[in-house]
Amino acid sequence: MIITTTNTIENRQITAYQGIVFGEVITGINVFKDLGAGLRNVFGGRSKGYEDELLRAREEALQEMASRAEGLGADAVVGMKMDYEVLGSDNGMLMVTCSGTAVKLS
């Protein structure tokens, strides 16, 4: 499955638009990652726990979107956009969403 942020795919022709597809992941950040991130905030450096969680959530959202596009018979998703939000009363949840247009190619 080709996924691109552009509206076209080089050397390929879009023959049909199958519809808009989405991928969504909401994940909790646990207390141990919060503790590690808090220490990094004080002493500096990168938060490996948060980075790993963000990477996993992003990959899952893309996989979910691709699966939905395949279900529509698409060969690719064009115009993909990804967003990130923090949710929950204590901002303890991370939401990653992506969307794009599922298309058939020649």
N, C-alpha and C. Protein backbone atom coordinates (compact mmCIF):
# COMPACT_ATOMS: atom_id res chain seq x y z
N MET A 1 0.85 -1.18 0.00
CA MET A 1 0.00 0.00 0.00
C MET A 1 0.89 1.24 0.00
N ILE A 2 0.71 2.08 -1.00
CA ILE A 2 1.43 3.36 -1.05
C ILE A 2 0.64 4.37 -0.22
N ILE A 3 1.34 5.05 0.68
CA ILE A 3 0.74 6.12 1.47
C ILE A 3 1.62 7.35 1.28
N THR A 4 1.01 8.45 0.84
CA THR A 4 1.78 9.65 0.57
C THR A 4 1.02 10.90 1.00
N THR A 5 1.77 11.93 1.34
CA THR A 5 1.15 13.21 1.69
C THR A 5 0.82 14.02 0.45
N THR A 6 1.34 13.62 -0.69
CA THR A 6 1.06 14.33 -1.93
C THR A 6 -0.28 13.89 -2.50
N ASN A 7 -0.79 14.66 -3.47
CA ASN A 7 -2.09 14.33 -4.08
C ASN A 7 -1.96 13.49 -5.33
N THR A 8 -0.73 13.22 -5.73
CA THR A 8 -0.47 12.38 -6.91
C THR A 8 0.65 11.41 -6.56
N ILE A 9 0.81 10.41 -7.41
CA ILE A 9 1.90 9.44 -7.27
C ILE A 9 2.66 9.43 -8.59
N GLU A 10 3.94 9.71 -8.52
CA GLU A 10 4.76 9.83 -9.71
C GLU A 10 4.68 8.55 -10.55
N ASN A 11 4.49 8.74 -11.85
CA ASN A 11 4.43 7.66 -12.85
C ASN A 11 3.23 6.74 -12.67
N ARG A 12 2.24 7.15 -11.91
CA ARG A 12 1.01 6.35 -11.74
C ARG A 12 -0.18 7.27 -11.96
N GLN A 13 -1.25 6.71 -12.47
CA GLN A 13 -2.48 7.47 -12.71
C GLN A 13 -3.55 7.01 -11.74
N ILE A 14 -4.21 7.97 -11.12
CA ILE A 14 -5.36 7.64 -10.26
C ILE A 14 -6.55 7.38 -11.17
N THR A 15 -7.13 6.20 -11.04
CA THR A 15 -8.25 5.83 -11.90
C THR A 15 -9.60 5.90 -11.18
N ALA A 16 -9.58 5.85 -9.85
CA ALA A 16 -10.84 5.92 -9.09
C ALA A 16 -10.54 6.37 -7.66
N TYR A 17 -11.46 7.15 -7.13
CA TYR A 17 -11.39 7.58 -5.74
C TYR A 17 -12.35 6.70 -4.94
N GLN A 18 -11.83 6.00 -3.94
CA GLN A 18 -12.62 5.05 -3.18
C GLN A 18 -13.24 5.65 -1.93
N GLY A 19 -12.77 6.81 -1.50
CA GLY A 19 -13.33 7.46 -0.32
C GLY A 19 -12.25 7.86 0.66
N ILE A 20 -12.65 8.58 1.67
CA ILE A 20 -11.74 9.03 2.72
C ILE A 20 -11.60 7.91 3.75
N VAL A 21 -10.36 7.67 4.16
CA VAL A 21 -10.09 6.64 5.17
C VAL A 21 -9.36 7.27 6.36
N PHE A 22 -9.55 6.66 7.52
CA PHE A 22 -8.97 7.17 8.76
C PHE A 22 -8.26 6.05 9.52
N GLY A 23 -7.32 6.43 10.33
CA GLY A 23 -6.69 5.55 11.30
C GLY A 23 -6.61 6.32 12.60
N GLU A 24 -7.04 5.71 13.69
CA GLU A 24 -7.02 6.38 15.00
C GLU A 24 -6.45 5.46 16.05
N VAL A 25 -5.62 6.02 16.91
CA VAL A 25 -5.08 5.29 18.05
C VAL A 25 -5.12 6.21 19.25
N ILE A 26 -5.66 5.73 20.36
CA ILE A 26 -5.61 6.45 21.62
C ILE A 26 -4.89 5.55 22.61
N THR A 27 -3.83 6.06 23.19
CA THR A 27 -3.01 5.25 24.08
C THR A 27 -2.75 6.01 25.38
N GLY A 28 -2.63 5.27 26.44
CA GLY A 28 -2.33 5.87 27.74
C GLY A 28 -0.83 5.91 27.98
N ILE A 29 -0.40 6.95 28.63
CA ILE A 29 1.00 7.07 29.03
C ILE A 29 1.06 6.70 30.50
N ASN A 30 1.80 5.66 30.84
CA ASN A 30 1.78 5.16 32.22
C ASN A 30 2.67 5.98 33.15
N VAL A 31 2.54 5.73 34.41
CA VAL A 31 3.22 6.49 35.45
C VAL A 31 4.74 6.40 35.33
N PHE A 32 5.28 5.27 34.87
CA PHE A 32 6.73 5.13 34.76
C PHE A 32 7.28 6.01 33.64
N LYS A 33 6.55 6.09 32.54
CA LYS A 33 6.98 6.98 31.46
C LYS A 33 6.86 8.43 31.91
N ASP A 34 5.79 8.75 32.66
CA ASP A 34 5.64 10.11 33.19
C ASP A 34 6.79 10.46 34.12
N LEU A 35 7.19 9.53 34.97
CA LEU A 35 8.29 9.76 35.90
C LEU A 35 9.59 10.01 35.14
N GLY A 36 9.86 9.18 34.16
CA GLY A 36 11.07 9.34 33.35
C GLY A 36 11.08 10.66 32.59
N ALA A 37 9.91 11.02 32.02
CA ALA A 37 9.81 12.27 31.28
C ALA A 37 9.99 13.46 32.22
N GLY A 38 9.46 13.35 33.44
CA GLY A 38 9.61 14.42 34.42
C GLY A 38 11.07 14.66 34.76
N LEU A 39 11.83 13.58 34.92
CA LEU A 39 13.26 13.71 35.19
C LEU A 39 13.99 14.33 34.01
N ARG A 40 13.62 13.93 32.81
CA ARG A 40 14.24 14.51 31.61
C ARG A 40 13.91 16.00 31.52
N ASN A 41 12.71 16.38 31.94
CA ASN A 41 12.30 17.77 31.92
C ASN A 41 13.19 18.61 32.85
N VAL A 42 13.57 18.04 33.98
CA VAL A 42 14.42 18.75 34.94
C VAL A 42 15.88 18.76 34.49
N PHE A 43 16.40 17.59 34.08
CA PHE A 43 17.82 17.46 33.78
C PHE A 43 18.16 17.60 32.31
N GLY A 44 17.16 17.64 31.45
CA GLY A 44 17.40 17.74 30.02
C GLY A 44 17.49 16.39 29.35
N GLY A 45 17.43 16.39 28.05
CA GLY A 45 17.54 15.15 27.29
C GLY A 45 16.21 14.74 26.70
N ARG A 46 16.24 13.64 25.99
CA ARG A 46 15.06 13.14 25.29
C ARG A 46 14.35 12.10 26.15
N SER A 47 13.04 12.03 25.97
CA SER A 47 12.24 11.05 26.70
C SER A 47 12.02 9.84 25.81
N LYS A 48 12.85 8.82 25.97
CA LYS A 48 12.78 7.61 25.14
C LYS A 48 11.42 6.92 25.28
N GLY A 49 10.87 6.88 26.50
CA GLY A 49 9.58 6.23 26.70
C GLY A 49 8.47 6.89 25.90
N TYR A 50 8.41 8.22 25.93
CA TYR A 50 7.40 8.94 25.15
C TYR A 50 7.63 8.79 23.66
N GLU A 51 8.90 8.86 23.25
CA GLU A 51 9.21 8.72 21.83
C GLU A 51 8.80 7.35 21.31
N ASP A 52 9.08 6.31 22.08
CA ASP A 52 8.69 4.96 21.68
C ASP A 52 7.18 4.82 21.59
N GLU A 53 6.47 5.39 22.55
CA GLU A 53 5.00 5.32 22.54
C GLU A 53 4.43 6.07 21.34
N LEU A 54 4.99 7.22 21.04
CA LEU A 54 4.54 8.01 19.89
C LEU A 54 4.80 7.26 18.59
N LEU A 55 5.96 6.65 18.46
CA LEU A 55 6.29 5.87 17.27
C LEU A 55 5.32 4.71 17.10
N ARG A 56 5.04 3.99 18.18
CA ARG A 56 4.12 2.85 18.11
C ARG A 56 2.72 3.31 17.70
N ALA A 57 2.25 4.39 18.32
CA ALA A 57 0.90 4.90 18.01
C ALA A 57 0.81 5.37 16.56
N ARG A 58 1.84 6.04 16.08
CA ARG A 58 1.84 6.52 14.70
C ARG A 58 1.81 5.35 13.72
N GLU A 59 2.63 4.32 13.97
CA GLU A 59 2.65 3.15 13.09
C GLU A 59 1.31 2.42 13.09
N GLU A 60 0.69 2.30 14.26
CA GLU A 60 -0.61 1.63 14.34
C GLU A 60 -1.69 2.41 13.61
N ALA A 61 -1.67 3.74 13.72
CA ALA A 61 -2.67 4.56 13.02
C ALA A 61 -2.50 4.41 11.51
N LEU A 62 -1.27 4.41 11.02
CA LEU A 62 -1.03 4.23 9.58
C LEU A 62 -1.47 2.84 9.12
N GLN A 63 -1.19 1.81 9.92
CA GLN A 63 -1.60 0.45 9.56
C GLN A 63 -3.12 0.34 9.51
N GLU A 64 -3.80 0.96 10.47
CA GLU A 64 -5.26 0.92 10.50
C GLU A 64 -5.84 1.62 9.27
N MET A 65 -5.29 2.77 8.91
CA MET A 65 -5.76 3.49 7.73
C MET A 65 -5.53 2.66 6.47
N ALA A 66 -4.34 2.06 6.34
CA ALA A 66 -4.04 1.24 5.17
C ALA A 66 -4.99 0.04 5.08
N SER A 67 -5.29 -0.57 6.21
CA SER A 67 -6.21 -1.71 6.23
C SER A 67 -7.61 -1.30 5.76
N ARG A 68 -8.05 -0.13 6.19
CA ARG A 68 -9.37 0.36 5.76
C ARG A 68 -9.36 0.67 4.27
N ALA A 69 -8.25 1.21 3.76
CA ALA A 69 -8.15 1.48 2.32
C ALA A 69 -8.18 0.18 1.52
N GLU A 70 -7.46 -0.82 2.00
CA GLU A 70 -7.47 -2.13 1.33
C GLU A 70 -8.88 -2.71 1.31
N GLY A 71 -9.62 -2.51 2.39
CA GLY A 71 -11.00 -2.98 2.45
C GLY A 71 -11.90 -2.34 1.41
N LEU A 72 -11.51 -1.16 0.93
CA LEU A 72 -12.25 -0.48 -0.13
C LEU A 72 -11.72 -0.82 -1.52
N GLY A 73 -10.72 -1.69 -1.57
CA GLY A 73 -10.13 -2.09 -2.84
C GLY A 73 -9.11 -1.10 -3.38
N ALA A 74 -8.57 -0.24 -2.53
CA ALA A 74 -7.63 0.79 -2.96
C ALA A 74 -6.22 0.24 -3.10
N ASP A 75 -5.43 0.92 -3.94
CA ASP A 75 -4.02 0.60 -4.12
C ASP A 75 -3.12 1.56 -3.35
N ALA A 76 -3.68 2.73 -2.98
CA ALA A 76 -2.87 3.75 -2.33
C ALA A 76 -3.76 4.70 -1.53
N VAL A 77 -3.11 5.49 -0.68
CA VAL A 77 -3.78 6.58 0.03
C VAL A 77 -2.99 7.84 -0.28
N VAL A 78 -3.68 8.85 -0.83
CA VAL A 78 -3.02 10.12 -1.16
C VAL A 78 -3.54 11.21 -0.23
N GLY A 79 -2.77 12.29 -0.16
CA GLY A 79 -3.18 13.43 0.66
C GLY A 79 -3.23 13.12 2.14
N MET A 80 -2.38 12.20 2.60
CA MET A 80 -2.41 11.78 4.01
C MET A 80 -2.01 12.93 4.93
N LYS A 81 -2.76 13.07 6.00
CA LYS A 81 -2.48 14.06 7.03
C LYS A 81 -2.49 13.37 8.38
N MET A 82 -1.58 13.75 9.27
CA MET A 82 -1.52 13.14 10.60
C MET A 82 -1.62 14.23 11.65
N ASP A 83 -2.38 13.93 12.72
CA ASP A 83 -2.55 14.87 13.83
C ASP A 83 -2.29 14.16 15.15
N TYR A 84 -1.90 14.95 16.14
CA TYR A 84 -1.62 14.46 17.49
C TYR A 84 -2.38 15.33 18.48
N GLU A 85 -2.98 14.70 19.48
CA GLU A 85 -3.69 15.42 20.54
C GLU A 85 -3.40 14.75 21.87
N VAL A 86 -3.47 15.52 22.93
CA VAL A 86 -3.38 15.00 24.28
C VAL A 86 -4.78 15.08 24.88
N LEU A 87 -5.24 13.98 25.47
CA LEU A 87 -6.60 13.88 25.99
C LEU A 87 -6.60 13.49 27.46
N GLY A 88 -7.76 13.58 28.07
CA GLY A 88 -7.94 13.11 29.45
C GLY A 88 -7.85 14.25 30.44
N SER A 89 -8.45 14.06 31.59
CA SER A 89 -8.47 15.10 32.62
C SER A 89 -7.08 15.43 33.12
N ASP A 90 -6.17 14.46 33.07
CA ASP A 90 -4.79 14.69 33.51
C ASP A 90 -3.81 14.71 32.33
N ASN A 91 -4.35 14.85 31.11
CA ASN A 91 -3.54 14.83 29.89
C ASN A 91 -2.71 13.56 29.77
N GLY A 92 -3.25 12.45 30.27
CA GLY A 92 -2.53 11.19 30.29
C GLY A 92 -2.77 10.29 29.09
N MET A 93 -3.51 10.77 28.09
CA MET A 93 -3.80 9.96 26.92
C MET A 93 -3.27 10.69 25.68
N LEU A 94 -2.72 9.92 24.76
CA LEU A 94 -2.22 10.44 23.50
C LEU A 94 -3.09 9.90 22.38
N MET A 95 -3.58 10.79 21.51
CA MET A 95 -4.37 10.37 20.36
C MET A 95 -3.60 10.73 19.09
N VAL A 96 -3.44 9.75 18.23
CA VAL A 96 -2.82 9.94 16.93
C VAL A 96 -3.86 9.57 15.89
N THR A 97 -4.14 10.49 14.97
CA THR A 97 -5.10 10.22 13.90
C THR A 97 -4.44 10.54 12.56
N CYS A 98 -4.81 9.77 11.55
CA CYS A 98 -4.38 10.08 10.20
C CYS A 98 -5.56 9.87 9.27
N SER A 99 -5.54 10.60 8.18
CA SER A 99 -6.61 10.47 7.19
C SER A 99 -6.03 10.75 5.81
N GLY A 100 -6.72 10.24 4.83
CA GLY A 100 -6.31 10.45 3.44
C GLY A 100 -7.38 9.91 2.51
N THR A 101 -7.14 10.02 1.23
CA THR A 101 -8.08 9.55 0.22
C THR A 101 -7.58 8.23 -0.36
N ALA A 102 -8.40 7.20 -0.25
CA ALA A 102 -8.08 5.89 -0.82
C ALA A 102 -8.34 5.95 -2.33
N VAL A 103 -7.37 5.48 -3.12
CA VAL A 103 -7.49 5.55 -4.57
C VAL A 103 -7.06 4.24 -5.22
N LYS A 104 -7.58 4.04 -6.44
CA LYS A 104 -7.14 2.93 -7.28
C LYS A 104 -6.17 3.53 -8.30
N LEU A 105 -5.13 2.76 -8.64
CA LEU A 105 -4.11 3.24 -9.58
C LEU A 105 -4.06 2.36 -10.83
N SER A 106 -3.59 2.97 -11.92
CA SER A 106 -3.36 2.16 -13.12
C SER A 106 -1.88 1.89 -13.27
